[in-house]
C-alpha cells in the first residue's frame, strides 16, 4: 500500500481529488487530500506545506502529488518529510527565489485567449460534474486571500533530493503541451511523461491517472 498526498491547485480544493481518491483506494492505497490555507492572507508557502505535512502525519514515505499551482508546494513538502516520490501533474515548476506571481511571465507560458473556466480547464469533464466542482471551489474562492504566499520568493535553494516525475496532459489548454515540454526541460532537466486529458485530468480521467500514480508508487 502506498500513501498519496494530494495537493490541489490555486483556487481549487481537496474536493478536486475525490474521484481519483476513490480509484486509488479501490486499488488498495491510502490517500490524503488537503485543503491548503488559502483563506489566510498571512499564510506563507511553508504554512501551505506544513498543512500537508500535518495531514500526512506518521504515514511513512508518501508519494506527494502536486497539481497546477500546487507545484510551488509539493517540493516544500518533500523538504519536510521523507517522500518516496514527487509527481507534478500539469504543474507549475518554481525556480529558487521566484514568487508564484512572477512565474507566469518568467516561465514564458503563452496566453490561451480563453476566458471561460470550463473551456479552459475542464472541457473534457462531464458538464454536470464540472459545474459541481466549479460551484464548490467557487464558494471557497470568495474567502481566498493568497497575497503573501503568491508574492514571497520560493524558499528552497535547490530542488529536493526526491525522485520526480512530471505528468504532461496533452489536451491541457491552460498549460499547453509544447510549453510544458520546454518548461520541464529547462527547470528540471527531464522529459515529462505524457497522457491525454485536460488541466483537470483527475476529474476527466481518474482511472488512468490512478494507474499511472500507482505505477510510480510501486
C-alpha atoms as a PDB file:
ATOM      1  CA  UNK A   1       0.000   0.000   0.000  1.00  0.00           C
ATOM      2  CA  UNK A   2       1.191   3.496  -0.894  1.00  0.00           C
ATOM      3  CA  UNK A   3       0.042   6.761   0.663  1.00  0.00           C
ATOM      4  CA  UNK A   4      -0.629   9.532  -1.857  1.00  0.00           C
ATOM      5  CA  UNK A   5      -0.596  13.109  -0.523  1.00  0.00           C
ATOM      6  CA  UNK A   6      -2.707  15.131  -2.971  1.00  0.00           C
ATOM      7  CA  UNK A   7      -2.137  18.898  -3.277  1.00  0.00           C
ATOM      8  CA  UNK A   8      -4.686  20.927  -5.219  1.00  0.00           C
ATOM      9  CA  UNK A   9      -4.032  23.945  -7.406  1.00  0.00           C
ATOM     10  CA  UNK A  10      -4.742  27.632  -6.893  1.00  0.00           C
ATOM     11  CA  UNK A  11      -8.446  28.303  -6.488  1.00  0.00           C
ATOM     12  CA  UNK A  12      -9.084  24.574  -6.055  1.00  0.00           C
ATOM     13  CA  UNK A  13      -9.784  22.354  -3.071  1.00  0.00           C
ATOM     14  CA  UNK A  14      -9.421  18.805  -1.831  1.00  0.00           C
ATOM     15  CA  UNK A  15     -12.782  18.064  -3.497  1.00  0.00           C
ATOM     16  CA  UNK A  16     -10.999  18.179  -6.868  1.00  0.00           C
ATOM     17  CA  UNK A  17      -9.408  14.821  -6.000  1.00  0.00           C
ATOM     18  CA  UNK A  18     -12.491  12.878  -4.890  1.00  0.00           C
ATOM     19  CA  UNK A  19     -12.765  10.671  -7.993  1.00  0.00           C
ATOM     20  CA  UNK A  20      -9.048   9.926  -8.006  1.00  0.00           C
ATOM     21  CA  UNK A  21      -9.141   9.109  -4.311  1.00  0.00           C
ATOM     22  CA  UNK A  22     -11.850   6.530  -4.933  1.00  0.00           C
ATOM     23  CA  UNK A  23      -9.796   4.975  -7.730  1.00  0.00           C
ATOM     24  CA  UNK A  24      -6.624   4.801  -5.649  1.00  0.00           C
ATOM     25  CA  UNK A  25      -8.397   3.413  -2.592  1.00  0.00           C
ATOM     26  CA  UNK A  26     -10.066   0.834  -4.822  1.00  0.00           C
ATOM     27  CA  UNK A  27      -6.552  -0.308  -5.736  1.00  0.00           C
ATOM     28  CA  UNK A  28      -5.664  -0.725  -2.066  1.00  0.00           C
ATOM     29  CA  UNK A  29      -3.846   2.578  -1.489  1.00  0.00           C
ATOM     30  CA  UNK A  30      -4.255   5.343   1.084  1.00  0.00           C
ATOM     31  CA  UNK A  31      -4.941   8.969   0.143  1.00  0.00           C
ATOM     32  CA  UNK A  32      -4.650  12.291   1.932  1.00  0.00           C
ATOM     33  CA  UNK A  33      -6.229  15.235   0.116  1.00  0.00           C
ATOM     34  CA  UNK A  34      -5.537  18.535   1.838  1.00  0.00           C
ATOM     35  CA  UNK A  35      -7.272  21.920   1.731  1.00  0.00           C
ATOM     36  CA  UNK A  36      -4.489  24.487   1.617  1.00  0.00           C
ATOM     37  CA  UNK A  37      -4.947  27.543   3.907  1.00  0.00           C
ATOM     38  CA  UNK A  38      -5.849  29.862   1.053  1.00  0.00           C
ATOM     39  CA  UNK A  39      -8.275  31.908   3.150  1.00  0.00           C
ATOM     40  CA  UNK A  40      -5.468  33.113   5.434  1.00  0.00           C
ATOM     41  CA  UNK A  41      -3.827  36.210   3.940  1.00  0.00           C
ATOM     42  CA  UNK A  42      -0.806  35.768   6.225  1.00  0.00           C
ATOM     43  CA  UNK A  43      -0.164  32.133   5.302  1.00  0.00           C
ATOM     44  CA  UNK A  44       3.247  31.545   3.774  1.00  0.00           C
ATOM     45  CA  UNK A  45       4.322  28.878   1.317  1.00  0.00           C
ATOM     46  CA  UNK A  46       5.810  26.992   4.259  1.00  0.00           C
ATOM     47  CA  UNK A  47       2.432  27.210   6.009  1.00  0.00           C
ATOM     48  CA  UNK A  48       0.863  25.590   2.960  1.00  0.00           C
ATOM     49  CA  UNK A  49       3.453  22.826   3.011  1.00  0.00           C
ATOM     50  CA  UNK A  50       3.059  22.290   6.741  1.00  0.00           C
ATOM     51  CA  UNK A  51      -0.700  21.821   6.322  1.00  0.00           C
ATOM     52  CA  UNK A  52       0.092  18.870   4.060  1.00  0.00           C
ATOM     53  CA  UNK A  53       2.738  17.522   6.426  1.00  0.00           C
ATOM     54  CA  UNK A  54       0.281  17.601   9.356  1.00  0.00           C
ATOM     55  CA  UNK A  55      -2.332  15.756   7.324  1.00  0.00           C
ATOM     56  CA  UNK A  56       0.158  13.056   6.309  1.00  0.00           C
ATOM     57  CA  UNK A  57       1.096  12.575   9.945  1.00  0.00           C
ATOM     58  CA  UNK A  58       3.069   9.415  10.667  1.00  0.00           C
ATOM     59  CA  UNK A  59       2.342   7.701   7.350  1.00  0.00           C
ATOM     60  CA  UNK A  60       5.732   6.568   6.005  1.00  0.00           C
ATOM     61  CA  UNK A  61       7.225   7.582   2.659  1.00  0.00           C
ATOM     62  CA  UNK A  62       4.231   9.171   0.931  1.00  0.00           C
ATOM     63  CA  UNK A  63       4.106   9.897  -2.775  1.00  0.00           C
ATOM     64  CA  UNK A  64       3.494  13.648  -2.996  1.00  0.00           C
ATOM     65  CA  UNK A  65       1.246  14.634  -5.909  1.00  0.00           C
ATOM     66  CA  UNK A  66       1.020  18.334  -6.780  1.00  0.00           C
ATOM     67  CA  UNK A  67      -1.361  19.828  -9.335  1.00  0.00           C
ATOM     68  CA  UNK A  68      -1.023  23.178 -11.128  1.00  0.00           C
ATOM     69  CA  UNK A  69      -0.183  25.953  -8.589  1.00  0.00           C
ATOM     70  CA  UNK A  70       0.469  23.176  -6.081  1.00  0.00           C
ATOM     71  CA  UNK A  71       3.795  22.733  -7.850  1.00  0.00           C
ATOM     72  CA  UNK A  72       5.064  25.514  -5.591  1.00  0.00           C
ATOM     73  CA  UNK A  73       4.041  23.493  -2.511  1.00  0.00           C
ATOM     74  CA  UNK A  74       4.897  19.883  -3.375  1.00  0.00           C
ATOM     75  CA  UNK A  75       8.701  20.283  -3.274  1.00  0.00           C
ATOM     76  CA  UNK A  76       8.431  22.071   0.086  1.00  0.00           C
ATOM     77  CA  UNK A  77       6.519  19.094   1.481  1.00  0.00           C
ATOM     78  CA  UNK A  78       9.326  16.850   0.239  1.00  0.00           C
ATOM     79  CA  UNK A  79      11.797  19.033   2.118  1.00  0.00           C
ATOM     80  CA  UNK A  80       9.834  18.350   5.329  1.00  0.00           C
ATOM     81  CA  UNK A  81       9.091  14.610   5.007  1.00  0.00           C
ATOM     82  CA  UNK A  82      10.897  11.598   3.601  1.00  0.00           C
ATOM     83  CA  UNK A  83       8.823  11.192   0.445  1.00  0.00           C
ATOM     84  CA  UNK A  84       9.087   8.192  -1.837  1.00  0.00           C
ATOM     85  CA  UNK A  85       8.455  10.344  -4.918  1.00  0.00           C
ATOM     86  CA  UNK A  86       7.146  13.676  -6.132  1.00  0.00           C
ATOM     87  CA  UNK A  87       4.684  13.742  -9.021  1.00  0.00           C
ATOM     88  CA  UNK A  88       3.855  17.040 -10.718  1.00  0.00           C
ATOM     89  CA  UNK A  89       0.533  16.817 -12.561  1.00  0.00           C
ATOM     90  CA  UNK A  90       0.400  19.570 -15.201  1.00  0.00           C
ATOM     91  CA  UNK A  91       2.009  21.769 -12.565  1.00  0.00           C
ATOM     92  CA  UNK A  92       3.972  24.975 -12.301  1.00  0.00           C
ATOM     93  CA  UNK A  93       7.688  24.399 -11.643  1.00  0.00           C
ATOM     94  CA  UNK A  94       9.280  27.026  -9.387  1.00  0.00           C
ATOM     95  CA  UNK A  95      12.833  28.270  -9.512  1.00  0.00           C
ATOM     96  CA  UNK A  96      14.701  29.254  -6.327  1.00  0.00           C
ATOM     97  CA  UNK A  97      13.675  32.734  -5.235  1.00  0.00           C
ATOM     98  CA  UNK A  98      10.799  33.005  -7.728  1.00  0.00           C
ATOM     99  CA  UNK A  99       7.476  34.283  -6.337  1.00  0.00           C
ATOM    100  CA  UNK A 100       4.443  32.416  -7.716  1.00  0.00           C
ATOM    101  CA  UNK A 101       3.048  35.685  -9.105  1.00  0.00           C
ATOM    102  CA  UNK A 102       6.197  36.093 -11.224  1.00  0.00           C
ATOM    103  CA  UNK A 103       6.113  32.557 -12.644  1.00  0.00           C
ATOM    104  CA  UNK A 104       3.629  33.399 -15.381  1.00  0.00           C
ATOM    105  CA  UNK A 105       5.898  35.900 -17.106  1.00  0.00           C
ATOM    106  CA  UNK A 106       9.245  34.293 -16.236  1.00  0.00           C
ATOM    107  CA  UNK A 107       8.231  30.841 -17.448  1.00  0.00           C
ATOM    108  CA  UNK A 108       7.101  32.151 -20.827  1.00  0.00           C
ATOM    109  CA  UNK A 109       3.714  30.482 -20.522  1.00  0.00           C
ATOM    110  CA  UNK A 110       1.641  31.620 -23.534  1.00  0.00           C
ATOM    111  CA  UNK A 111      -1.756  33.209 -23.128  1.00  0.00           C
ATOM    112  CA  UNK A 112      -4.598  30.861 -24.002  1.00  0.00           C
ATOM    113  CA  UNK A 113      -7.041  33.569 -25.035  1.00  0.00           C
ATOM    114  CA  UNK A 114      -9.813  31.559 -23.337  1.00  0.00           C
ATOM    115  CA  UNK A 115     -11.811  33.253 -20.574  1.00  0.00           C
ATOM    116  CA  UNK A 116     -14.374  30.549 -19.812  1.00  0.00           C
ATOM    117  CA  UNK A 117     -13.234  28.315 -16.924  1.00  0.00           C
ATOM    118  CA  UNK A 118     -14.944  25.232 -18.305  1.00  0.00           C
ATOM    119  CA  UNK A 119     -13.421  25.584 -21.770  1.00  0.00           C
ATOM    120  CA  UNK A 120     -10.004  26.422 -20.343  1.00  0.00           C
ATOM    121  CA  UNK A 121      -9.594  23.744 -17.678  1.00  0.00           C
ATOM    122  CA  UNK A 122     -12.487  21.249 -17.711  1.00  0.00           C
ATOM    123  CA  UNK A 123     -13.544  20.866 -21.323  1.00  0.00           C
ATOM    124  CA  UNK A 124     -13.335  17.053 -21.254  1.00  0.00           C
ATOM    125  CA  UNK A 125     -15.079  16.719 -17.865  1.00  0.00           C
ATOM    126  CA  UNK A 126     -18.816  15.864 -17.903  1.00  0.00           C
ATOM    127  CA  UNK A 127     -20.640  19.165 -17.653  1.00  0.00           C
ATOM    128  CA  UNK A 128     -22.667  18.291 -14.565  1.00  0.00           C
ATOM    129  CA  UNK A 129     -19.564  17.205 -12.667  1.00  0.00           C
ATOM    130  CA  UNK A 130     -17.642  20.271 -13.824  1.00  0.00           C
ATOM    131  CA  UNK A 131     -20.410  22.576 -12.620  1.00  0.00           C
ATOM    132  CA  UNK A 132     -20.445  20.883  -9.201  1.00  0.00           C
ATOM    133  CA  UNK A 133     -16.689  21.323  -8.860  1.00  0.00           C
ATOM    134  CA  UNK A 134     -16.760  24.919 -10.049  1.00  0.00           C
ATOM    135  CA  UNK A 135     -19.594  25.738  -7.642  1.00  0.00           C
ATOM    136  CA  UNK A 136     -17.817  24.051  -4.722  1.00  0.00           C
ATOM    137  CA  UNK A 137     -14.433  25.645  -5.368  1.00  0.00           C
ATOM    138  CA  UNK A 138     -16.013  28.972  -6.292  1.00  0.00           C
ATOM    139  CA  UNK A 139     -17.740  29.171  -2.908  1.00  0.00           C
ATOM    140  CA  UNK A 140     -14.374  28.706  -1.206  1.00  0.00           C
ATOM    141  CA  UNK A 141     -12.689  31.210  -3.506  1.00  0.00           C
ATOM    142  CA  UNK A 142     -14.888  34.002  -2.113  1.00  0.00           C
ATOM    143  CA  UNK A 143     -12.722  33.928   1.010  1.00  0.00           C
ATOM    144  CA  UNK A 144      -9.454  33.167  -0.763  1.00  0.00           C
ATOM    145  CA  UNK A 145      -6.578  35.508   0.036  1.00  0.00           C
ATOM    146  CA  UNK A 146      -3.226  34.193  -1.176  1.00  0.00           C
ATOM    147  CA  UNK A 147      -1.430  37.537  -1.280  1.00  0.00           C
ATOM    148  CA  UNK A 148       1.538  36.683   0.922  1.00  0.00           C
ATOM    149  CA  UNK A 149       2.078  33.193  -0.493  1.00  0.00           C
ATOM    150  CA  UNK A 150       1.915  34.458  -4.070  1.00  0.00           C
ATOM    151  CA  UNK A 151       4.322  37.349  -3.514  1.00  0.00           C
ATOM    152  CA  UNK A 152       7.026  35.705  -1.433  1.00  0.00           C
ATOM    153  CA  UNK A 153      10.101  34.143  -3.076  1.00  0.00           C
ATOM    154  CA  UNK A 154      10.071  30.363  -3.345  1.00  0.00           C
ATOM    155  CA  UNK A 155      12.251  29.452  -0.355  1.00  0.00           C
ATOM    156  CA  UNK A 156      14.302  26.439  -1.462  1.00  0.00           C
ATOM    157  CA  UNK A 157      17.790  26.975  -2.861  1.00  0.00           C
ATOM    158  CA  UNK A 158      17.596  23.779  -4.933  1.00  0.00           C
ATOM    159  CA  UNK A 159      15.120  21.089  -5.914  1.00  0.00           C
ATOM    160  CA  UNK A 160      14.683  18.482  -3.140  1.00  0.00           C
ATOM    161  CA  UNK A 161      16.528  15.189  -3.475  1.00  0.00           C
ATOM    162  CA  UNK A 162      13.490  13.081  -4.334  1.00  0.00           C
ATOM    163  CA  UNK A 163      12.600  11.111  -7.493  1.00  0.00           C
ATOM    164  CA  UNK A 164      10.458  13.490  -9.547  1.00  0.00           C
ATOM    165  CA  UNK A 165       8.024  12.699 -12.352  1.00  0.00           C
ATOM    166  CA  UNK A 166       6.149  15.247 -14.417  1.00  0.00           C
ATOM    167  CA  UNK A 167       2.819  14.201 -15.971  1.00  0.00           C
ATOM    168  CA  UNK A 168       2.006  16.334 -19.007  1.00  0.00           C
ATOM    169  CA  UNK A 169      -1.645  16.388 -20.107  1.00  0.00           C
ATOM    170  CA  UNK A 170      -1.745  16.695 -23.880  1.00  0.00           C
ATOM    171  CA  UNK A 171      -5.204  18.317 -24.019  1.00  0.00           C
ATOM    172  CA  UNK A 172      -4.448  20.962 -21.393  1.00  0.00           C
ATOM    173  CA  UNK A 173      -5.382  24.422 -22.646  1.00  0.00           C
ATOM    174  CA  UNK A 174      -4.047  26.306 -19.611  1.00  0.00           C
ATOM    175  CA  UNK A 175      -0.539  24.827 -19.866  1.00  0.00           C
ATOM    176  CA  UNK A 176      -0.245  23.619 -23.470  1.00  0.00           C
ATOM    177  CA  UNK A 177       1.947  20.654 -24.318  1.00  0.00           C
ATOM    178  CA  UNK A 178       4.688  22.436 -26.279  1.00  0.00           C
ATOM    179  CA  UNK A 179       5.166  24.958 -23.490  1.00  0.00           C
ATOM    180  CA  UNK A 180       5.232  22.253 -20.812  1.00  0.00           C
ATOM    181  CA  UNK A 181       7.836  20.145 -22.635  1.00  0.00           C
ATOM    182  CA  UNK A 182      10.147  23.162 -22.782  1.00  0.00           C
ATOM    183  CA  UNK A 183       9.379  24.254 -19.215  1.00  0.00           C
ATOM    184  CA  UNK A 184      10.100  20.815 -17.764  1.00  0.00           C
ATOM    185  CA  UNK A 185      13.379  20.505 -19.672  1.00  0.00           C
ATOM    186  CA  UNK A 186      14.542  23.977 -18.670  1.00  0.00           C
ATOM    187  CA  UNK A 187      13.679  23.727 -14.996  1.00  0.00           C
ATOM    188  CA  UNK A 188      14.051  20.030 -14.154  1.00  0.00           C
ATOM    189  CA  UNK A 189      16.218  18.686 -16.980  1.00  0.00           C
ATOM    190  CA  UNK A 190      13.881  15.732 -17.521  1.00  0.00           C
ATOM    191  CA  UNK A 191      11.418  14.577 -20.166  1.00  0.00           C
ATOM    192  CA  UNK A 192       7.809  14.577 -18.971  1.00  0.00           C
ATOM    193  CA  UNK A 193       5.570  11.550 -19.131  1.00  0.00           C
ATOM    194  CA  UNK A 194       2.536  12.273 -21.289  1.00  0.00           C
ATOM    195  CA  UNK A 195      -1.106  11.280 -21.125  1.00  0.00           C
ATOM    196  CA  UNK A 196      -4.357  12.540 -22.644  1.00  0.00           C
ATOM    197  CA  UNK A 197      -6.547  14.859 -20.624  1.00  0.00           C
ATOM    198  CA  UNK A 198      -7.310  18.452 -19.753  1.00  0.00           C
ATOM    199  CA  UNK A 199      -5.897  20.566 -16.934  1.00  0.00           C
ATOM    200  CA  UNK A 200      -8.321  18.863 -14.521  1.00  0.00           C
ATOM    201  CA  UNK A 201      -7.323  15.354 -15.564  1.00  0.00           C
ATOM    202  CA  UNK A 202      -8.116  13.986 -12.094  1.00  0.00           C
ATOM    203  CA  UNK A 203     -11.772  14.605 -12.934  1.00  0.00           C
ATOM    204  CA  UNK A 204     -11.791  13.617 -16.597  1.00  0.00           C
ATOM    205  CA  UNK A 205      -9.551  10.526 -16.415  1.00  0.00           C
ATOM    206  CA  UNK A 206      -9.311   9.478 -12.760  1.00  0.00           C
ATOM    207  CA  UNK A 207      -8.811   5.792 -13.545  1.00  0.00           C
ATOM    208  CA  UNK A 208      -5.969   6.356 -15.967  1.00  0.00           C
ATOM    209  CA  UNK A 209      -4.304   8.845 -13.639  1.00  0.00           C
ATOM    210  CA  UNK A 210      -4.652   6.389 -10.753  1.00  0.00           C
ATOM    211  CA  UNK A 211      -2.951   3.684 -12.805  1.00  0.00           C
ATOM    212  CA  UNK A 212      -0.025   5.980 -13.553  1.00  0.00           C
ATOM    213  CA  UNK A 213       0.328   7.105  -9.946  1.00  0.00           C
ATOM    214  CA  UNK A 214       0.113   3.547  -8.653  1.00  0.00           C
ATOM    215  CA  UNK A 215       2.887   2.526 -11.050  1.00  0.00           C
ATOM    216  CA  UNK A 216       5.077   5.371  -9.813  1.00  0.00           C
ATOM    217  CA  UNK A 217       4.310   4.461  -6.199  1.00  0.00           C
ATOM    218  CA  UNK A 218       5.315   0.882  -6.819  1.00  0.00           C
END
